[in-house]
Amino acid sequence: MLPDTPSVEQISQVIVQVTAPSFLLGAVASFISVLISRMNRVIDRIQVLHSISDGNAAKIPLKEDIPRLKRRAKLLNSAILLAGTSAILTCLLVIVAFISAFYQMRHEYGVAVLFVVALGFFTASLTNLVREVRISLHEYDFDN
């Protein structure tokens, strides 16, 4: 047997409760776009350095930057995965909130836990971005 349909007030309450997670989801989506853009630049730079021929003695020292670029790529990849996990958890939070309202179940604790965990993953992603930015500037970046 199907449960009673939730009232307009219940649905309205759920919508109010998922407003903050919706903003978080928008922020995470924008953040992932920034991370992917940075990742693309790092990968492009690695490809350019790999294309330098061994006969070009003037540019061979530039290849020494490849390990640093690979570390940056790993940090950015990790940040993207963490941010994606945060987005998935945020989506689950919204789904749980609406399903709970439909079945007239209490959902505040479950939603709160999901929100905190999603913020934890987002924070870890931001931390990896900070780590990547910290190693992104190097003395070779300022040579002409």
N, C-alpha and C. Protein backbone atom coordinates (compact mmCIF):
# COMPACT_ATOMS: atom_id res chain seq x y z
N MET A 1 0.83 -1.18 0.00
CA MET A 1 0.00 0.00 0.00
C MET A 1 0.87 1.24 0.00
N LEU A 2 0.54 2.18 -0.83
CA LEU A 2 1.30 3.43 -0.92
C LEU A 2 1.00 4.32 0.28
N PRO A 3 2.02 5.06 0.74
CA PRO A 3 1.78 5.97 1.86
C PRO A 3 0.93 7.16 1.42
N ASP A 4 0.40 7.86 2.40
CA ASP A 4 -0.35 9.07 2.10
C ASP A 4 0.58 10.08 1.45
N THR A 5 0.03 10.82 0.52
CA THR A 5 0.81 11.86 -0.14
C THR A 5 1.15 12.95 0.87
N PRO A 6 2.40 13.41 0.87
CA PRO A 6 2.76 14.48 1.81
C PRO A 6 1.99 15.76 1.49
N SER A 7 1.77 16.52 2.53
CA SER A 7 1.04 17.77 2.35
C SER A 7 1.94 18.82 1.71
N VAL A 8 1.31 19.88 1.26
CA VAL A 8 2.06 20.99 0.67
C VAL A 8 3.02 21.57 1.70
N GLU A 9 2.59 21.62 2.96
CA GLU A 9 3.45 22.16 4.02
C GLU A 9 4.70 21.30 4.21
N GLN A 10 4.51 19.97 4.14
CA GLN A 10 5.66 19.07 4.31
C GLN A 10 6.65 19.23 3.15
N ILE A 11 6.13 19.29 1.95
CA ILE A 11 7.00 19.47 0.79
C ILE A 11 7.68 20.83 0.86
N SER A 12 6.94 21.84 1.26
CA SER A 12 7.52 23.18 1.40
C SER A 12 8.65 23.18 2.43
N GLN A 13 8.45 22.46 3.52
CA GLN A 13 9.47 22.37 4.56
C GLN A 13 10.73 21.69 4.04
N VAL A 14 10.55 20.63 3.25
CA VAL A 14 11.70 19.93 2.68
C VAL A 14 12.46 20.85 1.72
N ILE A 15 11.73 21.59 0.93
CA ILE A 15 12.37 22.52 -0.02
C ILE A 15 13.20 23.55 0.74
N VAL A 16 12.67 24.06 1.83
CA VAL A 16 13.42 25.01 2.66
C VAL A 16 14.67 24.35 3.22
N GLN A 17 14.56 23.11 3.63
CA GLN A 17 15.69 22.41 4.23
C GLN A 17 16.78 22.04 3.23
N VAL A 18 16.45 21.89 1.99
CA VAL A 18 17.47 21.52 1.00
C VAL A 18 18.02 22.74 0.25
N THR A 19 17.68 23.93 0.69
CA THR A 19 18.20 25.13 0.04
C THR A 19 19.71 25.23 0.19
N ALA A 20 20.23 25.07 1.40
CA ALA A 20 21.68 25.15 1.62
C ALA A 20 22.43 24.06 0.85
N PRO A 21 21.97 22.81 0.90
CA PRO A 21 22.66 21.80 0.08
C PRO A 21 22.62 22.11 -1.41
N SER A 22 21.57 22.75 -1.87
CA SER A 22 21.49 23.11 -3.28
C SER A 22 22.55 24.15 -3.64
N PHE A 23 22.77 25.10 -2.75
CA PHE A 23 23.83 26.08 -2.97
C PHE A 23 25.20 25.39 -2.94
N LEU A 24 25.37 24.46 -2.02
CA LEU A 24 26.62 23.70 -1.96
C LEU A 24 26.84 22.95 -3.28
N LEU A 25 25.80 22.35 -3.80
CA LEU A 25 25.91 21.61 -5.06
C LEU A 25 26.34 22.53 -6.20
N GLY A 26 25.78 23.73 -6.25
CA GLY A 26 26.19 24.70 -7.26
C GLY A 26 27.65 25.12 -7.11
N ALA A 27 28.06 25.32 -5.86
CA ALA A 27 29.45 25.69 -5.60
C ALA A 27 30.41 24.57 -5.99
N VAL A 28 30.04 23.35 -5.66
CA VAL A 28 30.89 22.20 -5.98
C VAL A 28 31.00 22.04 -7.51
N ALA A 29 29.90 22.22 -8.21
CA ALA A 29 29.93 22.11 -9.67
C ALA A 29 30.86 23.15 -10.28
N SER A 30 30.79 24.37 -9.81
CA SER A 30 31.69 25.43 -10.30
C SER A 30 33.13 25.12 -9.95
N PHE A 31 33.33 24.61 -8.75
CA PHE A 31 34.67 24.27 -8.29
C PHE A 31 35.28 23.16 -9.14
N ILE A 32 34.49 22.16 -9.47
CA ILE A 32 34.97 21.07 -10.32
C ILE A 32 35.38 21.62 -11.69
N SER A 33 34.63 22.57 -12.19
CA SER A 33 34.99 23.20 -13.47
C SER A 33 36.36 23.87 -13.39
N VAL A 34 36.62 24.57 -12.29
CA VAL A 34 37.92 25.21 -12.09
C VAL A 34 39.03 24.16 -12.00
N LEU A 35 38.77 23.10 -11.26
CA LEU A 35 39.77 22.04 -11.11
C LEU A 35 40.09 21.38 -12.46
N ILE A 36 39.08 21.13 -13.25
CA ILE A 36 39.29 20.51 -14.56
C ILE A 36 40.09 21.44 -15.47
N SER A 37 39.81 22.72 -15.40
CA SER A 37 40.55 23.70 -16.19
C SER A 37 42.03 23.69 -15.80
N ARG A 38 42.30 23.68 -14.50
CA ARG A 38 43.69 23.63 -14.03
C ARG A 38 44.36 22.33 -14.46
N MET A 39 43.63 21.24 -14.36
CA MET A 39 44.17 19.93 -14.75
C MET A 39 44.53 19.93 -16.24
N ASN A 40 43.67 20.49 -17.06
CA ASN A 40 43.94 20.55 -18.50
C ASN A 40 45.21 21.34 -18.79
N ARG A 41 45.41 22.44 -18.09
CA ARG A 41 46.63 23.24 -18.30
C ARG A 41 47.87 22.46 -17.90
N VAL A 42 47.80 21.74 -16.79
CA VAL A 42 48.94 20.94 -16.34
C VAL A 42 49.25 19.84 -17.34
N ILE A 43 48.22 19.14 -17.79
CA ILE A 43 48.41 18.05 -18.76
C ILE A 43 48.98 18.60 -20.07
N ASP A 44 48.46 19.74 -20.52
CA ASP A 44 48.99 20.36 -21.74
C ASP A 44 50.47 20.68 -21.59
N ARG A 45 50.84 21.21 -20.44
CA ARG A 45 52.25 21.55 -20.18
C ARG A 45 53.12 20.28 -20.18
N ILE A 46 52.64 19.22 -19.58
CA ILE A 46 53.38 17.96 -19.58
C ILE A 46 53.59 17.47 -21.01
N GLN A 47 52.55 17.55 -21.82
CA GLN A 47 52.66 17.10 -23.21
C GLN A 47 53.66 17.94 -24.00
N VAL A 48 53.66 19.24 -23.75
CA VAL A 48 54.62 20.12 -24.43
C VAL A 48 56.04 19.74 -24.03
N LEU A 49 56.25 19.51 -22.74
CA LEU A 49 57.60 19.16 -22.28
C LEU A 49 58.04 17.80 -22.81
N HIS A 50 57.11 16.86 -22.90
CA HIS A 50 57.46 15.54 -23.45
C HIS A 50 57.80 15.64 -24.95
N SER A 51 57.27 16.63 -25.63
CA SER A 51 57.52 16.75 -27.08
C SER A 51 58.86 17.41 -27.39
N ILE A 52 59.55 17.92 -26.39
CA ILE A 52 60.87 18.51 -26.62
C ILE A 52 61.84 17.40 -27.00
N SER A 53 62.49 17.58 -28.14
CA SER A 53 63.41 16.54 -28.60
C SER A 53 64.69 16.55 -27.78
N ASP A 54 65.32 15.40 -27.70
CA ASP A 54 66.57 15.28 -26.95
C ASP A 54 67.69 16.06 -27.61
N GLY A 55 67.53 16.41 -28.87
CA GLY A 55 68.56 17.17 -29.58
C GLY A 55 68.51 18.67 -29.27
N ASN A 56 67.44 19.12 -28.64
CA ASN A 56 67.29 20.54 -28.32
C ASN A 56 67.92 20.81 -26.95
N ALA A 57 69.22 21.03 -26.93
CA ALA A 57 69.97 21.18 -25.67
C ALA A 57 69.51 22.39 -24.86
N ALA A 58 69.03 23.41 -25.51
CA ALA A 58 68.62 24.62 -24.79
C ALA A 58 67.35 24.39 -23.97
N LYS A 59 66.49 23.49 -24.43
CA LYS A 59 65.21 23.28 -23.75
C LYS A 59 65.16 22.00 -22.92
N ILE A 60 66.17 21.17 -22.99
CA ILE A 60 66.20 19.92 -22.21
C ILE A 60 66.01 20.18 -20.72
N PRO A 61 66.60 21.23 -20.13
CA PRO A 61 66.40 21.46 -18.68
C PRO A 61 64.94 21.69 -18.29
N LEU A 62 64.13 22.12 -19.25
CA LEU A 62 62.71 22.32 -18.96
C LEU A 62 62.01 21.01 -18.58
N LYS A 63 62.53 19.89 -19.08
CA LYS A 63 61.93 18.58 -18.79
C LYS A 63 62.05 18.21 -17.31
N GLU A 64 62.94 18.88 -16.59
CA GLU A 64 63.08 18.61 -15.17
C GLU A 64 61.83 18.99 -14.38
N ASP A 65 60.96 19.75 -15.01
CA ASP A 65 59.72 20.19 -14.36
C ASP A 65 58.62 19.13 -14.42
N ILE A 66 58.82 18.07 -15.19
CA ILE A 66 57.77 17.05 -15.36
C ILE A 66 57.36 16.39 -14.04
N PRO A 67 58.28 16.00 -13.16
CA PRO A 67 57.83 15.39 -11.90
C PRO A 67 56.95 16.33 -11.05
N ARG A 68 57.30 17.60 -11.04
CA ARG A 68 56.48 18.57 -10.29
C ARG A 68 55.10 18.68 -10.91
N LEU A 69 55.03 18.70 -12.22
CA LEU A 69 53.74 18.76 -12.91
C LEU A 69 52.91 17.51 -12.66
N LYS A 70 53.58 16.36 -12.60
CA LYS A 70 52.86 15.12 -12.32
C LYS A 70 52.29 15.13 -10.90
N ARG A 71 53.04 15.69 -9.93
CA ARG A 71 52.51 15.81 -8.56
C ARG A 71 51.28 16.71 -8.55
N ARG A 72 51.35 17.80 -9.29
CA ARG A 72 50.20 18.70 -9.38
C ARG A 72 49.00 18.00 -9.99
N ALA A 73 49.23 17.22 -11.05
CA ALA A 73 48.14 16.50 -11.71
C ALA A 73 47.50 15.50 -10.75
N LYS A 74 48.32 14.81 -9.96
CA LYS A 74 47.77 13.86 -8.99
C LYS A 74 46.92 14.57 -7.94
N LEU A 75 47.40 15.71 -7.44
CA LEU A 75 46.63 16.47 -6.46
C LEU A 75 45.32 16.96 -7.05
N LEU A 76 45.37 17.45 -8.28
CA LEU A 76 44.15 17.93 -8.93
C LEU A 76 43.18 16.79 -9.19
N ASN A 77 43.70 15.65 -9.61
CA ASN A 77 42.84 14.48 -9.83
C ASN A 77 42.15 14.08 -8.53
N SER A 78 42.91 14.05 -7.46
CA SER A 78 42.34 13.73 -6.15
C SER A 78 41.28 14.75 -5.74
N ALA A 79 41.57 16.02 -5.99
CA ALA A 79 40.61 17.08 -5.64
C ALA A 79 39.31 16.93 -6.44
N ILE A 80 39.44 16.56 -7.71
CA ILE A 80 38.24 16.35 -8.54
C ILE A 80 37.42 15.18 -8.01
N LEU A 81 38.09 14.09 -7.65
CA LEU A 81 37.38 12.93 -7.11
C LEU A 81 36.68 13.27 -5.79
N LEU A 82 37.36 14.00 -4.92
CA LEU A 82 36.76 14.39 -3.64
C LEU A 82 35.57 15.32 -3.84
N ALA A 83 35.72 16.28 -4.74
CA ALA A 83 34.62 17.21 -5.01
C ALA A 83 33.44 16.47 -5.65
N GLY A 84 33.74 15.53 -6.54
CA GLY A 84 32.67 14.72 -7.14
C GLY A 84 31.93 13.90 -6.09
N THR A 85 32.67 13.34 -5.15
CA THR A 85 32.05 12.59 -4.05
C THR A 85 31.16 13.51 -3.21
N SER A 86 31.64 14.71 -2.97
CA SER A 86 30.85 15.69 -2.23
C SER A 86 29.54 16.00 -2.96
N ALA A 87 29.63 16.16 -4.27
CA ALA A 87 28.42 16.44 -5.06
C ALA A 87 27.44 15.27 -5.01
N ILE A 88 27.97 14.06 -5.11
CA ILE A 88 27.10 12.87 -5.05
C ILE A 88 26.41 12.78 -3.70
N LEU A 89 27.16 13.01 -2.63
CA LEU A 89 26.56 12.98 -1.28
C LEU A 89 25.50 14.06 -1.12
N THR A 90 25.75 15.22 -1.69
CA THR A 90 24.77 16.31 -1.62
C THR A 90 23.50 15.93 -2.37
N CYS A 91 23.65 15.30 -3.52
CA CYS A 91 22.47 14.83 -4.27
C CYS A 91 21.71 13.78 -3.46
N LEU A 92 22.44 12.86 -2.84
CA LEU A 92 21.79 11.86 -2.00
C LEU A 92 21.03 12.51 -0.85
N LEU A 93 21.61 13.55 -0.29
CA LEU A 93 20.97 14.29 0.80
C LEU A 93 19.60 14.82 0.35
N VAL A 94 19.56 15.42 -0.81
CA VAL A 94 18.30 15.98 -1.32
C VAL A 94 17.30 14.85 -1.59
N ILE A 95 17.78 13.75 -2.16
CA ILE A 95 16.90 12.61 -2.43
C ILE A 95 16.33 12.04 -1.14
N VAL A 96 17.20 11.86 -0.14
CA VAL A 96 16.75 11.33 1.16
C VAL A 96 15.71 12.25 1.78
N ALA A 97 15.93 13.54 1.69
CA ALA A 97 14.99 14.49 2.27
C ALA A 97 13.60 14.36 1.63
N PHE A 98 13.56 14.27 0.31
CA PHE A 98 12.26 14.18 -0.36
C PHE A 98 11.60 12.81 -0.15
N ILE A 99 12.38 11.75 -0.20
CA ILE A 99 11.80 10.42 0.02
C ILE A 99 11.28 10.31 1.46
N SER A 100 12.02 10.84 2.40
CA SER A 100 11.58 10.82 3.80
C SER A 100 10.28 11.59 3.98
N ALA A 101 10.17 12.72 3.29
CA ALA A 101 8.93 13.49 3.38
C ALA A 101 7.77 12.70 2.76
N PHE A 102 8.05 12.01 1.66
CA PHE A 102 7.01 11.24 1.00
C PHE A 102 6.49 10.13 1.92
N TYR A 103 7.42 9.48 2.64
CA TYR A 103 7.02 8.41 3.54
C TYR A 103 6.76 8.92 4.96
N GLN A 104 6.77 10.23 5.13
CA GLN A 104 6.49 10.89 6.41
C GLN A 104 7.39 10.34 7.52
N MET A 105 8.66 10.26 7.22
CA MET A 105 9.66 9.79 8.19
C MET A 105 10.52 10.98 8.61
N ARG A 106 11.08 10.87 9.80
CA ARG A 106 12.01 11.90 10.27
C ARG A 106 13.32 11.72 9.50
N HIS A 107 13.86 12.80 9.02
CA HIS A 107 15.06 12.71 8.20
C HIS A 107 16.16 13.68 8.63
N GLU A 108 15.90 14.46 9.64
CA GLU A 108 16.83 15.54 10.00
C GLU A 108 18.23 15.02 10.33
N TYR A 109 18.31 13.94 11.10
CA TYR A 109 19.63 13.43 11.50
C TYR A 109 20.39 12.86 10.31
N GLY A 110 19.71 12.09 9.49
CA GLY A 110 20.36 11.51 8.31
C GLY A 110 20.83 12.59 7.35
N VAL A 111 19.99 13.59 7.13
CA VAL A 111 20.35 14.69 6.24
C VAL A 111 21.52 15.48 6.82
N ALA A 112 21.50 15.70 8.12
CA ALA A 112 22.60 16.44 8.77
C ALA A 112 23.92 15.69 8.62
N VAL A 113 23.88 14.38 8.81
CA VAL A 113 25.10 13.58 8.67
C VAL A 113 25.61 13.64 7.23
N LEU A 114 24.71 13.46 6.26
CA LEU A 114 25.12 13.54 4.86
C LEU A 114 25.70 14.91 4.53
N PHE A 115 25.11 15.97 5.07
CA PHE A 115 25.59 17.32 4.79
C PHE A 115 27.00 17.52 5.36
N VAL A 116 27.22 17.05 6.59
CA VAL A 116 28.53 17.18 7.21
C VAL A 116 29.57 16.37 6.44
N VAL A 117 29.23 15.17 6.03
CA VAL A 117 30.17 14.33 5.28
C VAL A 117 30.47 14.98 3.91
N ALA A 118 29.44 15.50 3.25
CA ALA A 118 29.65 16.18 1.96
C ALA A 118 30.58 17.38 2.14
N LEU A 119 30.37 18.15 3.20
CA LEU A 119 31.25 19.29 3.47
C LEU A 119 32.67 18.82 3.79
N GLY A 120 32.80 17.69 4.44
CA GLY A 120 34.13 17.13 4.72
C GLY A 120 34.87 16.80 3.43
N PHE A 121 34.18 16.16 2.49
CA PHE A 121 34.81 15.85 1.21
C PHE A 121 35.15 17.12 0.44
N PHE A 122 34.27 18.11 0.50
CA PHE A 122 34.53 19.39 -0.17
C PHE A 122 35.75 20.07 0.45
N THR A 123 35.85 20.01 1.77
CA THR A 123 37.00 20.60 2.46
C THR A 123 38.29 19.87 2.06
N ALA A 124 38.24 18.56 1.98
CA ALA A 124 39.42 17.80 1.55
C ALA A 124 39.81 18.17 0.12
N SER A 125 38.82 18.39 -0.73
CA SER A 125 39.10 18.81 -2.10
C SER A 125 39.76 20.18 -2.13
N LEU A 126 39.23 21.10 -1.34
CA LEU A 126 39.84 22.44 -1.25
C LEU A 126 41.27 22.35 -0.74
N THR A 127 41.50 21.47 0.22
CA THR A 127 42.84 21.28 0.77
C THR A 127 43.81 20.82 -0.31
N ASN A 128 43.37 19.90 -1.15
CA ASN A 128 44.23 19.45 -2.25
C ASN A 128 44.49 20.56 -3.25
N LEU A 129 43.51 21.41 -3.48
CA LEU A 129 43.74 22.55 -4.36
C LEU A 129 44.80 23.48 -3.76
N VAL A 130 44.71 23.74 -2.47
CA VAL A 130 45.71 24.59 -1.81
C VAL A 130 47.10 23.97 -1.92
N ARG A 131 47.18 22.67 -1.73
CA ARG A 131 48.47 21.98 -1.86
C ARG A 131 49.01 22.10 -3.28
N GLU A 132 48.11 21.96 -4.27
CA GLU A 132 48.52 22.08 -5.66
C GLU A 132 48.99 23.50 -5.98
N VAL A 133 48.27 24.48 -5.49
CA VAL A 133 48.64 25.88 -5.74
C VAL A 133 50.00 26.18 -5.10
N ARG A 134 50.21 25.59 -3.95
CA ARG A 134 51.48 25.82 -3.24
C ARG A 134 52.68 25.34 -4.05
N ILE A 135 52.54 24.24 -4.74
CA ILE A 135 53.67 23.76 -5.54
C ILE A 135 53.61 24.24 -6.99
N SER A 136 52.55 24.95 -7.36
CA SER A 136 52.41 25.37 -8.76
C SER A 136 53.41 26.45 -9.16
N LEU A 137 53.76 27.32 -8.23
CA LEU A 137 54.74 28.35 -8.55
C LEU A 137 56.13 27.83 -8.23
N HIS A 138 57.00 28.01 -9.17
CA HIS A 138 58.35 27.48 -9.06
C HIS A 138 59.29 28.51 -9.66
N GLU A 139 60.50 28.49 -9.27
CA GLU A 139 61.45 29.48 -9.77
C GLU A 139 61.58 29.43 -11.28
N TYR A 140 61.41 28.24 -11.88
CA TYR A 140 61.51 28.13 -13.34
C TYR A 140 60.35 28.82 -14.04
N ASP A 141 59.25 29.02 -13.34
CA ASP A 141 58.07 29.65 -13.95
C ASP A 141 58.33 31.11 -14.28
N PHE A 142 59.35 31.70 -13.70
CA PHE A 142 59.62 33.12 -13.90
C PHE A 142 60.76 33.38 -14.86
N ASP A 143 61.35 32.31 -15.38
CA ASP A 143 62.41 32.47 -16.38
C ASP A 143 61.79 32.76 -17.73
N ASN A 144 62.48 33.56 -18.52
CA ASN A 144 61.98 33.86 -19.86
C ASN A 144 62.69 33.03 -20.88
